[in-house]
Structure formats: C-alpha cells, structure tokens
Amino acid sequence: MEVEAKFSIDAAESYQLLKTIARFDGRIGDFSLGESVLIQVDDTYLDTPDYKVLKAGYALRQRSQQGIVIMTLKSVLTLKSAHIAHSAIHRREEWEVILSDIAPPNRWPDITMRNRLLIWIGDAPLKPLFSLKQSRCVRPIYHNERLVAHLSLDNVSQSAQQYLEAEVELAESGTESDLKAIIAYLETVPGLRPDPRSKFERGLALIRTDNTTGAL
C-alpha cells in the first residue's frame, strides 16, 4: 500500500523555496531533511486499446530511471470519482517489479503482479497512453534517527504542458501521524495546495481534453 501526500505548486518561487529549504534551515517542523538527490525520470503509462487496465481500476506505469526499468501497477480513482478525495493524502494499492530491460508481462518475475494484469488483458497488446518527463529533487525526512518519509519536488512535462508538484511518501518506518504533521507544516508554505489527483489522473485529463484517446 502506497501512502503519500501530494501538493500542486502554483508558483516557481515556492518550488525554489522548497528545493533549497533555505526557509526551513534543513527542517520541516520537528523533522530533519537529509541530503537531496536529483533524479531524471521518464514515465510511460500503458493500457490496451480498449482500456482494460483502467476499467479494472488500475494504471500501469513503465518508468526508466537511473538505467533500470520499473513496472508499477497502481489502483486509481477514475476522474468521475476523484471528487471523493478531500485531502492531500493518497492511499493506493501498489505492486512493482524491477527489470533489466523492457519486457512483456508474461516475462515479469513477480508472479502476483504478472498474473493480476494478465487476467485483465489476456493476450491484448499494451499501447502507450501518454508519457511524462520528470526532474525530481528527492530528500529523506527523519524524526530523530527514524526515516519517516521521502520528499519529492517534481518538475513535470507532458507534451507542451509543464507543472510543479511536491510529494511526501511514507517510508516503512513512518506513521500517518508523521505524515499529518508534515502536511500541516507544508500547508503553511505559500503557493502549495493539496491535490487529489495523481500524475496519471492529471495526464489522462490532459489527453482527454486534447481529444486523442476517445471516450472511455
């Protein structure tokens, strides 16, 4: 289960403020921030021509990052029901498999994830829905010596669109109380607002607006 908080960043100044953490002096409230790492990420979302994965309530992402391929299957809110998300916190089922190269589902080593997907799509081909490019500044968040979460500041490009986001994803040793405390602090930063949409939902809305996918 993935548990994270997501914020849209409306102003470049707010993004730079968070990126440098100058205002926080290396801290977010009672939490300390570790060293930042800049990661370049290429994401492609895949589905069958008749959207079997989305109709099952999931999104399939192919991520190229630091020389590896990560296939991720996530539960999603459809855009028709996205209004039920009332806060920055997102909870989603998630499965991942790391590959040395791009491979079809029947060659994935994770049996549970592979079988789940194949039940939905059968022998239907997977096609790209849309692609994203991200420049991510990632910092670990600690409470004393305990790793509680990771803060990602994302500069995202899709087609001619560009937007800024902040994500705080809980680590295994983090709690929802930690997450809520971090959210409360970030909500004081000008230019940040809770966003109920995932990148998939935001990207899907964009290609629907562009009339490139047809009706679902």
N, C-alpha and C. Protein backbone atom coordinates (compact mmCIF):
# COMPACT_ATOMS: atom_id res chain seq x y z
N MET A 1 0.85 -1.19 0.00
CA MET A 1 0.00 0.00 0.00
C MET A 1 0.88 1.24 0.00
N GLU A 2 0.66 2.12 -0.95
CA GLU A 2 1.36 3.39 -1.02
C GLU A 2 0.53 4.44 -0.28
N VAL A 3 1.18 5.17 0.62
CA VAL A 3 0.52 6.27 1.33
C VAL A 3 1.39 7.51 1.13
N GLU A 4 0.80 8.53 0.54
CA GLU A 4 1.57 9.74 0.27
C GLU A 4 0.66 10.95 0.32
N ALA A 5 1.28 12.12 0.45
CA ALA A 5 0.58 13.39 0.34
C ALA A 5 1.09 14.10 -0.90
N LYS A 6 0.17 14.76 -1.60
CA LYS A 6 0.53 15.42 -2.85
C LYS A 6 0.03 16.86 -2.84
N PHE A 7 0.89 17.76 -3.30
CA PHE A 7 0.55 19.17 -3.40
C PHE A 7 0.90 19.68 -4.79
N SER A 8 0.01 20.50 -5.35
CA SER A 8 0.36 21.30 -6.51
C SER A 8 1.11 22.53 -6.03
N ILE A 9 2.08 22.95 -6.83
CA ILE A 9 2.86 24.15 -6.51
C ILE A 9 2.53 25.19 -7.56
N ASP A 10 1.89 26.28 -7.14
CA ASP A 10 1.39 27.27 -8.08
C ASP A 10 2.44 28.28 -8.53
N ALA A 11 3.49 28.44 -7.75
CA ALA A 11 4.47 29.49 -8.05
C ALA A 11 5.87 28.91 -8.10
N ALA A 12 6.67 29.33 -9.08
CA ALA A 12 8.04 28.87 -9.19
C ALA A 12 8.85 29.25 -7.95
N GLU A 13 8.49 30.39 -7.34
CA GLU A 13 9.21 30.82 -6.14
C GLU A 13 9.01 29.83 -5.00
N SER A 14 7.80 29.28 -4.87
CA SER A 14 7.53 28.30 -3.82
C SER A 14 8.32 27.02 -4.08
N TYR A 15 8.41 26.63 -5.34
CA TYR A 15 9.18 25.44 -5.71
C TYR A 15 10.66 25.63 -5.33
N GLN A 16 11.22 26.78 -5.67
CA GLN A 16 12.62 27.05 -5.35
C GLN A 16 12.84 27.12 -3.85
N LEU A 17 11.86 27.67 -3.13
CA LEU A 17 11.97 27.74 -1.68
C LEU A 17 12.05 26.35 -1.08
N LEU A 18 11.17 25.47 -1.53
CA LEU A 18 11.19 24.10 -1.03
C LEU A 18 12.45 23.37 -1.47
N LYS A 19 12.88 23.64 -2.68
CA LYS A 19 14.05 22.95 -3.21
C LYS A 19 15.32 23.30 -2.43
N THR A 20 15.47 24.52 -2.08
CA THR A 20 16.67 24.92 -1.34
C THR A 20 16.51 24.69 0.17
N ILE A 21 15.26 24.65 0.63
CA ILE A 21 14.94 24.51 2.05
C ILE A 21 15.61 25.62 2.86
N ALA A 22 15.85 26.76 2.23
CA ALA A 22 16.50 27.87 2.94
C ALA A 22 15.62 28.35 4.09
N ARG A 23 14.33 28.41 3.83
CA ARG A 23 13.43 28.91 4.86
C ARG A 23 13.38 27.97 6.06
N PHE A 24 13.53 26.65 5.79
CA PHE A 24 13.37 25.67 6.86
C PHE A 24 14.68 25.32 7.56
N ASP A 25 15.81 25.83 7.02
CA ASP A 25 17.12 25.53 7.61
C ASP A 25 17.32 24.03 7.78
N GLY A 26 16.93 23.28 6.74
CA GLY A 26 17.12 21.83 6.78
C GLY A 26 16.10 21.09 7.61
N ARG A 27 14.99 21.76 7.95
CA ARG A 27 13.98 21.11 8.78
C ARG A 27 12.58 21.40 8.25
N ILE A 28 11.68 20.48 8.53
CA ILE A 28 10.25 20.68 8.33
C ILE A 28 9.61 20.45 9.69
N GLY A 29 9.34 21.52 10.40
CA GLY A 29 8.81 21.39 11.75
C GLY A 29 9.76 20.61 12.64
N ASP A 30 9.28 19.51 13.21
CA ASP A 30 10.10 18.68 14.09
C ASP A 30 10.92 17.65 13.33
N PHE A 31 10.90 17.70 12.01
CA PHE A 31 11.55 16.69 11.18
C PHE A 31 12.78 17.29 10.49
N SER A 32 13.81 16.48 10.37
CA SER A 32 15.03 16.92 9.68
C SER A 32 15.07 16.33 8.28
N LEU A 33 15.76 17.03 7.39
CA LEU A 33 15.86 16.62 5.99
C LEU A 33 17.27 16.15 5.68
N GLY A 34 17.36 15.01 5.00
CA GLY A 34 18.65 14.51 4.57
C GLY A 34 19.10 15.15 3.28
N GLU A 35 20.21 14.68 2.75
CA GLU A 35 20.79 15.23 1.53
C GLU A 35 19.89 14.99 0.33
N SER A 36 19.83 15.98 -0.55
CA SER A 36 18.96 15.88 -1.73
C SER A 36 19.68 15.12 -2.86
N VAL A 37 18.88 14.44 -3.66
CA VAL A 37 19.37 13.73 -4.86
C VAL A 37 18.49 14.16 -6.02
N LEU A 38 19.10 14.53 -7.14
CA LEU A 38 18.36 14.91 -8.33
C LEU A 38 18.27 13.71 -9.26
N ILE A 39 17.05 13.34 -9.65
CA ILE A 39 16.81 12.15 -10.47
C ILE A 39 16.01 12.56 -11.70
N GLN A 40 16.43 12.09 -12.86
CA GLN A 40 15.67 12.28 -14.10
C GLN A 40 14.86 11.02 -14.37
N VAL A 41 13.57 11.20 -14.58
CA VAL A 41 12.65 10.07 -14.69
C VAL A 41 11.83 10.20 -15.97
N ASP A 42 11.72 9.10 -16.73
CA ASP A 42 10.84 9.03 -17.89
C ASP A 42 9.76 8.00 -17.61
N ASP A 43 8.50 8.43 -17.65
CA ASP A 43 7.36 7.55 -17.39
C ASP A 43 6.49 7.42 -18.63
N THR A 44 6.06 6.21 -18.91
CA THR A 44 5.07 5.96 -19.94
C THR A 44 3.96 5.11 -19.34
N TYR A 45 2.73 5.58 -19.46
CA TYR A 45 1.57 4.82 -18.98
C TYR A 45 1.02 3.98 -20.13
N LEU A 46 0.72 2.72 -19.82
CA LEU A 46 0.33 1.75 -20.83
C LEU A 46 -1.07 1.21 -20.55
N ASP A 47 -1.77 0.84 -21.62
CA ASP A 47 -3.05 0.16 -21.49
C ASP A 47 -3.35 -0.52 -22.82
N THR A 48 -4.38 -1.34 -22.82
CA THR A 48 -4.82 -1.97 -24.06
C THR A 48 -5.61 -0.95 -24.88
N PRO A 49 -5.84 -1.21 -26.16
CA PRO A 49 -6.61 -0.26 -26.97
C PRO A 49 -8.01 0.03 -26.42
N ASP A 50 -8.61 -0.92 -25.69
CA ASP A 50 -9.94 -0.69 -25.11
C ASP A 50 -9.88 -0.46 -23.59
N TYR A 51 -8.72 -0.08 -23.06
CA TYR A 51 -8.55 0.38 -21.68
C TYR A 51 -8.93 -0.66 -20.63
N LYS A 52 -8.49 -1.89 -20.82
CA LYS A 52 -8.82 -2.96 -19.86
C LYS A 52 -8.21 -2.70 -18.49
N VAL A 53 -7.02 -2.14 -18.42
CA VAL A 53 -6.37 -1.89 -17.13
C VAL A 53 -7.12 -0.78 -16.39
N LEU A 54 -7.41 0.31 -17.06
CA LEU A 54 -8.14 1.41 -16.43
C LEU A 54 -9.53 0.97 -16.00
N LYS A 55 -10.20 0.18 -16.81
CA LYS A 55 -11.55 -0.27 -16.45
C LYS A 55 -11.53 -1.19 -15.23
N ALA A 56 -10.39 -1.84 -14.98
CA ALA A 56 -10.24 -2.65 -13.77
C ALA A 56 -9.92 -1.79 -12.55
N GLY A 57 -9.69 -0.49 -12.77
CA GLY A 57 -9.42 0.43 -11.66
C GLY A 57 -7.95 0.64 -11.37
N TYR A 58 -7.09 0.41 -12.38
CA TYR A 58 -5.65 0.48 -12.16
C TYR A 58 -4.97 1.26 -13.28
N ALA A 59 -3.74 1.67 -13.00
CA ALA A 59 -2.87 2.28 -14.00
C ALA A 59 -1.57 1.49 -14.05
N LEU A 60 -1.04 1.32 -15.25
CA LEU A 60 0.22 0.61 -15.44
C LEU A 60 1.26 1.60 -15.94
N ARG A 61 2.34 1.74 -15.16
CA ARG A 61 3.38 2.71 -15.48
C ARG A 61 4.70 2.00 -15.78
N GLN A 62 5.34 2.41 -16.85
CA GLN A 62 6.69 1.94 -17.19
C GLN A 62 7.65 3.09 -16.95
N ARG A 63 8.55 2.92 -15.98
CA ARG A 63 9.46 4.00 -15.59
C ARG A 63 10.90 3.64 -15.91
N SER A 64 11.57 4.55 -16.60
CA SER A 64 13.01 4.42 -16.84
C SER A 64 13.72 5.41 -15.92
N GLN A 65 14.59 4.87 -15.07
CA GLN A 65 15.22 5.70 -14.04
C GLN A 65 16.58 5.12 -13.69
N GLN A 66 17.62 5.90 -13.87
CA GLN A 66 18.98 5.51 -13.48
C GLN A 66 19.37 4.15 -14.06
N GLY A 67 19.02 3.93 -15.32
CA GLY A 67 19.47 2.74 -16.02
C GLY A 67 18.65 1.49 -15.78
N ILE A 68 17.54 1.57 -15.06
CA ILE A 68 16.70 0.41 -14.84
C ILE A 68 15.27 0.73 -15.30
N VAL A 69 14.47 -0.33 -15.46
CA VAL A 69 13.07 -0.19 -15.82
C VAL A 69 12.23 -0.69 -14.65
N ILE A 70 11.29 0.12 -14.20
CA ILE A 70 10.40 -0.25 -13.10
C ILE A 70 8.96 -0.25 -13.63
N MET A 71 8.32 -1.41 -13.57
CA MET A 71 6.91 -1.52 -13.94
C MET A 71 6.08 -1.44 -12.66
N THR A 72 5.11 -0.54 -12.64
CA THR A 72 4.29 -0.31 -11.45
C THR A 72 2.82 -0.41 -11.81
N LEU A 73 2.09 -1.16 -11.01
CA LEU A 73 0.65 -1.28 -11.15
C LEU A 73 0.02 -0.64 -9.92
N LYS A 74 -0.81 0.42 -10.14
CA LYS A 74 -1.39 1.18 -9.04
C LYS A 74 -2.90 1.26 -9.19
N SER A 75 -3.60 1.16 -8.06
CA SER A 75 -5.03 1.46 -8.09
C SER A 75 -5.21 2.96 -8.23
N VAL A 76 -6.28 3.36 -8.90
CA VAL A 76 -6.52 4.77 -9.15
C VAL A 76 -7.98 5.11 -8.91
N LEU A 77 -8.21 6.40 -8.60
CA LEU A 77 -9.55 6.95 -8.67
C LEU A 77 -9.78 7.36 -10.11
N THR A 78 -10.90 6.96 -10.70
CA THR A 78 -11.22 7.49 -12.01
C THR A 78 -11.57 8.95 -11.86
N LEU A 79 -11.46 9.69 -12.95
CA LEU A 79 -11.78 11.11 -12.88
C LEU A 79 -13.23 11.34 -12.50
N LYS A 80 -14.11 10.39 -12.79
CA LYS A 80 -15.51 10.56 -12.44
C LYS A 80 -15.72 10.52 -10.93
N SER A 81 -14.81 9.87 -10.19
CA SER A 81 -14.99 9.75 -8.74
C SER A 81 -13.93 10.50 -7.96
N ALA A 82 -13.12 11.29 -8.65
CA ALA A 82 -12.00 11.95 -7.97
C ALA A 82 -12.46 12.93 -6.91
N HIS A 83 -13.72 13.39 -6.99
CA HIS A 83 -14.18 14.36 -6.00
C HIS A 83 -14.27 13.77 -4.60
N ILE A 84 -14.19 12.44 -4.46
CA ILE A 84 -14.29 11.86 -3.12
C ILE A 84 -13.00 12.03 -2.34
N ALA A 85 -11.91 12.42 -3.00
CA ALA A 85 -10.65 12.67 -2.29
C ALA A 85 -10.68 14.10 -1.76
N HIS A 86 -10.64 14.27 -0.45
CA HIS A 86 -10.83 15.59 0.14
C HIS A 86 -9.55 16.16 0.73
N SER A 87 -8.44 15.48 0.66
CA SER A 87 -7.23 15.98 1.29
C SER A 87 -6.04 15.66 0.42
N ALA A 88 -4.86 16.04 0.93
CA ALA A 88 -3.63 15.77 0.19
C ALA A 88 -3.24 14.30 0.23
N ILE A 89 -3.79 13.52 1.17
CA ILE A 89 -3.34 12.15 1.37
C ILE A 89 -3.95 11.21 0.32
N HIS A 90 -3.09 10.41 -0.30
CA HIS A 90 -3.49 9.40 -1.27
C HIS A 90 -3.13 8.03 -0.70
N ARG A 91 -4.05 7.09 -0.81
CA ARG A 91 -3.77 5.70 -0.42
C ARG A 91 -4.08 4.81 -1.63
N ARG A 92 -3.10 4.04 -2.06
CA ARG A 92 -3.30 3.23 -3.25
C ARG A 92 -2.62 1.87 -3.09
N GLU A 93 -3.28 0.85 -3.60
CA GLU A 93 -2.60 -0.44 -3.75
C GLU A 93 -1.51 -0.27 -4.80
N GLU A 94 -0.39 -0.93 -4.58
CA GLU A 94 0.73 -0.76 -5.50
C GLU A 94 1.57 -2.04 -5.54
N TRP A 95 1.93 -2.44 -6.76
CA TRP A 95 2.89 -3.53 -6.97
C TRP A 95 3.95 -3.04 -7.93
N GLU A 96 5.19 -3.46 -7.70
CA GLU A 96 6.30 -3.05 -8.56
C GLU A 96 7.17 -4.24 -8.90
N VAL A 97 7.74 -4.18 -10.10
CA VAL A 97 8.75 -5.16 -10.49
C VAL A 97 9.87 -4.41 -11.21
N ILE A 98 11.11 -4.74 -10.86
CA ILE A 98 12.29 -4.10 -11.46
C ILE A 98 12.83 -5.03 -12.55
N LEU A 99 13.04 -4.47 -13.75
CA LEU A 99 13.52 -5.23 -14.89
C LEU A 99 14.85 -4.67 -15.37
N SER A 100 15.66 -5.53 -15.95
CA SER A 100 16.91 -5.05 -16.55
C SER A 100 16.67 -4.42 -17.91
N ASP A 101 15.52 -4.74 -18.52
CA ASP A 101 15.15 -4.16 -19.81
C ASP A 101 13.64 -4.29 -19.95
N ILE A 102 13.08 -3.58 -20.90
CA ILE A 102 11.63 -3.65 -21.14
C ILE A 102 11.26 -5.06 -21.59
N ALA A 103 10.21 -5.62 -20.96
CA ALA A 103 9.77 -6.98 -21.26
C ALA A 103 8.26 -7.05 -21.16
N PRO A 104 7.60 -7.93 -21.92
CA PRO A 104 6.15 -8.08 -21.82
C PRO A 104 5.76 -8.70 -20.48
N PRO A 105 4.49 -8.53 -20.07
CA PRO A 105 4.07 -9.02 -18.75
C PRO A 105 4.33 -10.49 -18.50
N ASN A 106 4.20 -11.34 -19.53
CA ASN A 106 4.39 -12.77 -19.30
C ASN A 106 5.83 -13.14 -18.97
N ARG A 107 6.74 -12.15 -19.02
CA ARG A 107 8.14 -12.40 -18.67
C ARG A 107 8.55 -11.69 -17.37
N TRP A 108 7.58 -11.09 -16.68
CA TRP A 108 7.91 -10.43 -15.42
C TRP A 108 8.14 -11.46 -14.33
N PRO A 109 9.12 -11.23 -13.45
CA PRO A 109 9.42 -12.21 -12.40
C PRO A 109 8.42 -12.22 -11.24
N ASP A 110 7.68 -11.13 -11.04
CA ASP A 110 6.72 -11.08 -9.94
C ASP A 110 5.43 -11.77 -10.37
N ILE A 111 5.17 -12.94 -9.84
CA ILE A 111 4.04 -13.75 -10.30
C ILE A 111 2.71 -13.09 -9.97
N THR A 112 2.58 -12.53 -8.76
CA THR A 112 1.31 -11.92 -8.36
C THR A 112 0.94 -10.78 -9.27
N MET A 113 1.87 -9.86 -9.50
CA MET A 113 1.61 -8.71 -10.36
C MET A 113 1.36 -9.15 -11.79
N ARG A 114 2.17 -10.08 -12.27
CA ARG A 114 2.03 -10.57 -13.64
C ARG A 114 0.67 -11.22 -13.86
N ASN A 115 0.27 -12.10 -12.96
CA ASN A 115 -0.99 -12.81 -13.13
C ASN A 115 -2.20 -11.89 -13.01
N ARG A 116 -2.11 -10.94 -12.09
CA ARG A 116 -3.21 -9.98 -11.92
C ARG A 116 -3.44 -9.21 -13.22
N LEU A 117 -2.36 -8.74 -13.83
CA LEU A 117 -2.50 -7.97 -15.07
C LEU A 117 -2.99 -8.84 -16.22
N LEU A 118 -2.46 -10.05 -16.33
CA LEU A 118 -2.84 -10.92 -17.45
C LEU A 118 -4.29 -11.36 -17.37
N ILE A 119 -4.84 -11.46 -16.15
CA ILE A 119 -6.27 -11.78 -16.01
C ILE A 119 -7.11 -10.69 -16.68
N TRP A 120 -6.67 -9.45 -16.55
CA TRP A 120 -7.43 -8.34 -17.13
C TRP A 120 -7.24 -8.22 -18.63
N ILE A 121 -5.99 -8.36 -19.11
CA ILE A 121 -5.72 -8.02 -20.50
C ILE A 121 -5.65 -9.23 -21.42
N GLY A 122 -5.47 -10.45 -20.86
CA GLY A 122 -5.33 -11.62 -21.70
C GLY A 122 -4.15 -11.47 -22.64
N ASP A 123 -4.40 -11.69 -23.93
CA ASP A 123 -3.32 -11.55 -24.92
C ASP A 123 -3.43 -10.22 -25.69
N ALA A 124 -4.21 -9.27 -25.15
CA ALA A 124 -4.35 -7.96 -25.81
C ALA A 124 -3.02 -7.20 -25.71
N PRO A 125 -2.65 -6.46 -26.74
CA PRO A 125 -1.38 -5.72 -26.70
C PRO A 125 -1.49 -4.49 -25.81
N LEU A 126 -0.37 -4.11 -25.21
CA LEU A 126 -0.29 -2.89 -24.44
C LEU A 126 0.23 -1.76 -25.32
N LYS A 127 -0.45 -0.62 -25.25
CA LYS A 127 -0.08 0.55 -26.05
C LYS A 127 0.18 1.74 -25.12
N PRO A 128 1.07 2.66 -25.51
CA PRO A 128 1.26 3.87 -24.69
C PRO A 128 0.02 4.75 -24.69
N LEU A 129 -0.36 5.22 -23.49
CA LEU A 129 -1.42 6.23 -23.36
C LEU A 129 -0.82 7.63 -23.46
N PHE A 130 0.21 7.88 -22.65
CA PHE A 130 0.92 9.15 -22.67
C PHE A 130 2.22 8.98 -21.90
N SER A 131 3.12 9.93 -22.07
CA SER A 131 4.42 9.90 -21.41
C SER A 131 4.66 11.19 -20.64
N LEU A 132 5.44 11.06 -19.57
CA LEU A 132 5.85 12.20 -18.75
C LEU A 132 7.36 12.19 -18.60
N LYS A 133 7.93 13.37 -18.47
CA LYS A 133 9.33 13.51 -18.08
C LYS A 133 9.36 14.31 -16.78
N GLN A 134 10.16 13.83 -15.83
CA GLN A 134 10.23 14.50 -14.53
C GLN A 134 11.68 14.73 -14.13
N SER A 135 11.91 15.91 -13.60
CA SER A 135 13.14 16.18 -12.87
C SER A 135 12.75 16.20 -11.41
N ARG A 136 13.27 15.24 -10.62
CA ARG A 136 12.84 15.06 -9.23
C ARG A 136 14.00 15.38 -8.28
N CYS A 137 13.73 16.25 -7.33
CA CYS A 137 14.66 16.50 -6.23
C CYS A 137 14.11 15.76 -5.02
N VAL A 138 14.81 14.72 -4.57
CA VAL A 138 14.31 13.83 -3.53
C VAL A 138 15.16 13.98 -2.27
N ARG A 139 14.48 14.13 -1.11
CA ARG A 139 15.18 14.23 0.17
C ARG A 139 14.50 13.33 1.17
N PRO A 140 15.27 12.56 1.94
CA PRO A 140 14.68 11.78 3.04
C PRO A 140 14.28 12.69 4.18
N ILE A 141 13.24 12.30 4.91
CA ILE A 141 12.76 13.04 6.08
C ILE A 141 12.89 12.15 7.30
N TYR A 142 13.52 12.68 8.35
CA TYR A 142 13.79 11.90 9.56
C TYR A 142 13.12 12.54 10.77
N HIS A 143 12.72 11.68 11.70
CA HIS A 143 12.38 12.15 13.05
C HIS A 143 13.39 11.52 13.99
N ASN A 144 14.27 12.34 14.53
CA ASN A 144 15.47 11.84 15.22
C ASN A 144 16.24 10.98 14.23
N GLU A 145 16.44 9.70 14.48
CA GLU A 145 17.18 8.84 13.56
C GLU A 145 16.25 7.98 12.70
N ARG A 146 14.97 8.13 12.88
CA ARG A 146 14.00 7.27 12.18
C ARG A 146 13.61 7.88 10.84
N LEU A 147 13.77 7.10 9.76
CA LEU A 147 13.34 7.53 8.44
C LEU A 147 11.82 7.42 8.37
N VAL A 148 11.14 8.55 8.15
CA VAL A 148 9.68 8.53 8.16
C VAL A 148 9.07 8.70 6.77
N ALA A 149 9.79 9.37 5.85
CA ALA A 149 9.19 9.65 4.55
C ALA A 149 10.27 10.14 3.58
N HIS A 150 9.84 10.33 2.34
CA HIS A 150 10.69 10.98 1.33
C HIS A 150 9.91 12.15 0.73
N LEU A 151 10.58 13.29 0.63
CA LEU A 151 10.01 14.46 -0.01
C LEU A 151 10.53 14.54 -1.44
N SER A 152 9.61 14.59 -2.42
CA SER A 152 9.98 14.73 -3.83
C SER A 152 9.41 16.03 -4.36
N LEU A 153 10.28 16.83 -4.95
CA LEU A 153 9.86 18.06 -5.62
C LEU A 153 10.01 17.81 -7.11
N ASP A 154 8.88 17.81 -7.82
CA ASP A 154 8.84 17.33 -9.20
C ASP A 154 8.54 18.47 -10.17
N ASN A 155 9.39 18.57 -11.18
CA ASN A 155 9.15 19.44 -12.33
C ASN A 155 8.74 18.52 -13.47
N VAL A 156 7.45 18.54 -13.84
CA VAL A 156 6.86 17.54 -14.72
C VAL A 156 6.52 18.15 -16.07
N SER A 157 6.84 17.42 -17.15
CA SER A 157 6.50 17.86 -18.51
C SER A 157 5.69 16.77 -19.19
N GLN A 158 4.57 17.17 -19.78
CA GLN A 158 3.76 16.28 -20.61
C GLN A 158 3.34 17.06 -21.83
N SER A 159 3.82 16.59 -22.99
CA SER A 159 3.58 17.33 -24.24
C SER A 159 4.05 18.77 -24.04
N ALA A 160 3.18 19.75 -24.29
CA ALA A 160 3.58 21.14 -24.13
C ALA A 160 3.27 21.68 -22.74
N GLN A 161 2.71 20.82 -21.87
CA GLN A 161 2.34 21.24 -20.52
C GLN A 161 3.49 21.01 -19.54
N GLN A 162 3.63 21.91 -18.59
CA GLN A 162 4.62 21.76 -17.53
C GLN A 162 3.97 22.18 -16.21
N TYR A 163 4.24 21.41 -15.15
CA TYR A 163 3.70 21.78 -13.84
C TYR A 163 4.64 21.30 -12.75
N LEU A 164 4.42 21.84 -11.54
CA LEU A 164 5.27 21.57 -10.39
C LEU A 164 4.45 20.89 -9.30
N GLU A 165 5.04 19.90 -8.65
CA GLU A 165 4.37 19.17 -7.58
C GLU A 165 5.33 18.90 -6.44
N ALA A 166 4.77 18.69 -5.26
CA ALA A 166 5.50 18.18 -4.10
C ALA A 166 4.79 16.93 -3.61
N GLU A 167 5.57 15.88 -3.33
CA GLU A 167 5.02 14.64 -2.81
C GLU A 167 5.78 14.25 -1.54
N VAL A 168 5.04 13.75 -0.56
CA VAL A 168 5.66 13.18 0.64
C VAL A 168 5.15 11.76 0.75
N GLU A 169 6.04 10.79 0.53
CA GLU A 169 5.64 9.38 0.58
C GLU A 169 6.17 8.74 1.86
N LEU A 170 5.28 8.09 2.60
CA LEU A 170 5.68 7.44 3.84
C LEU A 170 6.67 6.31 3.59
N ALA A 171 7.68 6.23 4.44
CA ALA A 171 8.59 5.08 4.46
C ALA A 171 7.99 3.99 5.34
N GLU A 172 8.59 2.80 5.32
CA GLU A 172 8.06 1.69 6.12
C GLU A 172 8.02 2.02 7.60
N SER A 173 8.99 2.79 8.07
CA SER A 173 9.04 3.12 9.50
C SER A 173 8.30 4.41 9.83
N GLY A 174 7.63 5.01 8.85
CA GLY A 174 6.85 6.21 9.09
C GLY A 174 5.42 5.87 9.47
N THR A 175 4.74 6.81 10.11
CA THR A 175 3.36 6.63 10.51
C THR A 175 2.50 7.72 9.89
N GLU A 176 1.18 7.50 9.91
CA GLU A 176 0.30 8.53 9.37
C GLU A 176 0.31 9.77 10.26
N SER A 177 0.62 9.61 11.53
CA SER A 177 0.78 10.79 12.40
C SER A 177 1.95 11.64 11.92
N ASP A 178 3.05 10.98 11.53
CA ASP A 178 4.18 11.71 10.94
C ASP A 178 3.74 12.46 9.70
N LEU A 179 3.02 11.76 8.83
CA LEU A 179 2.59 12.36 7.56
C LEU A 179 1.69 13.58 7.81
N LYS A 180 0.77 13.45 8.74
CA LYS A 180 -0.14 14.56 9.03
C LYS A 180 0.61 15.76 9.59
N ALA A 181 1.64 15.51 10.39
CA ALA A 181 2.43 16.61 10.94
C ALA A 181 3.21 17.31 9.83
N ILE A 182 3.75 16.54 8.88
CA ILE A 182 4.48 17.13 7.76
C ILE A 182 3.52 17.93 6.88
N ILE A 183 2.33 17.37 6.62
CA ILE A 183 1.33 18.07 5.82
C ILE A 183 0.96 19.40 6.47
N ALA A 184 0.74 19.38 7.78
CA ALA A 184 0.35 20.61 8.48
C ALA A 184 1.41 21.69 8.30
N TYR A 185 2.66 21.29 8.29
CA TYR A 185 3.72 22.27 8.10
C TYR A 185 3.76 22.77 6.67
N LEU A 186 3.66 21.86 5.70
CA LEU A 186 3.73 22.26 4.30
C LEU A 186 2.55 23.14 3.90
N GLU A 187 1.41 22.95 4.55
CA GLU A 187 0.25 23.77 4.22
C GLU A 187 0.45 25.24 4.58
N THR A 188 1.48 25.55 5.36
CA THR A 188 1.78 26.95 5.69
C THR A 188 2.64 27.61 4.61
N VAL A 189 3.15 26.84 3.66
CA VAL A 189 4.02 27.39 2.62
C VAL A 189 3.16 28.03 1.53
N PRO A 190 3.35 29.30 1.23
CA PRO A 190 2.56 29.95 0.17
C PRO A 190 2.77 29.24 -1.17
N GLY A 191 1.69 29.12 -1.93
CA GLY A 191 1.79 28.54 -3.27
C GLY A 191 1.58 27.05 -3.33
N LEU A 192 1.41 26.39 -2.17
CA LEU A 192 1.14 24.95 -2.16
C LEU A 192 -0.34 24.72 -1.85
N ARG A 193 -0.95 23.76 -2.55
CA ARG A 193 -2.34 23.39 -2.24
C ARG A 193 -2.50 21.89 -2.43
N PRO A 194 -3.26 21.24 -1.55
CA PRO A 194 -3.48 19.81 -1.67
C PRO A 194 -4.08 19.47 -3.04
N ASP A 195 -3.60 18.37 -3.63
CA ASP A 195 -4.08 17.96 -4.95
C ASP A 195 -4.57 16.53 -4.86
N PRO A 196 -5.86 16.27 -5.10
CA PRO A 196 -6.39 14.90 -5.02
C PRO A 196 -6.01 14.04 -6.22
N ARG A 197 -5.42 14.64 -7.25
CA ARG A 197 -5.13 13.88 -8.47
C ARG A 197 -3.74 13.28 -8.44
N SER A 198 -3.62 12.08 -8.98
CA SER A 198 -2.31 11.51 -9.25
C SER A 198 -1.80 12.07 -10.57
N LYS A 199 -0.53 11.82 -10.87
CA LYS A 199 0.00 12.23 -12.18
C LYS A 199 -0.73 11.50 -13.31
N PHE A 200 -1.10 10.25 -13.06
CA PHE A 200 -1.86 9.52 -14.08
C PHE A 200 -3.19 10.21 -14.35
N GLU A 201 -3.92 10.54 -13.30
CA GLU A 201 -5.23 11.17 -13.47
C GLU A 201 -5.10 12.54 -14.13
N ARG A 202 -4.06 13.26 -13.75
CA ARG A 202 -3.83 14.57 -14.36
C ARG A 202 -3.47 14.41 -15.84
N GLY A 203 -2.62 13.44 -16.14
CA GLY A 203 -2.22 13.21 -17.53
C GLY A 203 -3.37 12.72 -18.37
N LEU A 204 -4.20 11.86 -17.80
CA LEU A 204 -5.36 11.34 -18.53
C LEU A 204 -6.34 12.47 -18.85
N ALA A 205 -6.53 13.37 -17.90
CA ALA A 205 -7.42 14.51 -18.14
C ALA A 205 -6.90 15.37 -19.29
N LEU A 206 -5.58 15.51 -19.37
CA LEU A 206 -4.99 16.34 -20.42
C LEU A 206 -5.21 15.72 -21.80
N ILE A 207 -4.98 14.42 -21.92
CA ILE A 207 -5.15 13.82 -23.25
C ILE A 207 -6.62 13.71 -23.62
N ARG A 208 -7.50 13.61 -22.63
CA ARG A 208 -8.93 13.68 -22.93
C ARG A 208 -9.30 15.05 -23.47
N THR A 209 -8.75 16.08 -22.86
CA THR A 209 -9.00 17.45 -23.33
C THR A 209 -8.50 17.63 -24.75
N ASP A 210 -7.38 16.98 -25.06
CA ASP A 210 -6.82 17.08 -26.40
C ASP A 210 -7.54 16.18 -27.41
N ASN A 211 -8.54 15.41 -26.93
CA ASN A 211 -9.33 14.53 -27.80
C ASN A 211 -8.46 13.53 -28.55
N THR A 212 -7.49 12.94 -27.86
CA THR A 212 -6.61 11.98 -28.50
C THR A 212 -6.89 10.55 -28.09
N THR A 213 -7.74 10.34 -27.06
CA THR A 213 -7.96 8.96 -26.59
C THR A 213 -9.35 8.45 -26.90
N GLY A 214 -10.28 9.33 -27.20
CA GLY A 214 -11.66 8.86 -27.37
C GLY A 214 -12.33 8.68 -26.03
N ALA A 215 -13.60 8.42 -26.02
CA ALA A 215 -14.36 8.27 -24.78
C ALA A 215 -14.08 6.92 -24.15
N LEU A 216 -14.01 6.92 -22.79
CA LEU A 216 -13.81 5.68 -22.03
C LEU A 216 -15.16 5.16 -21.59
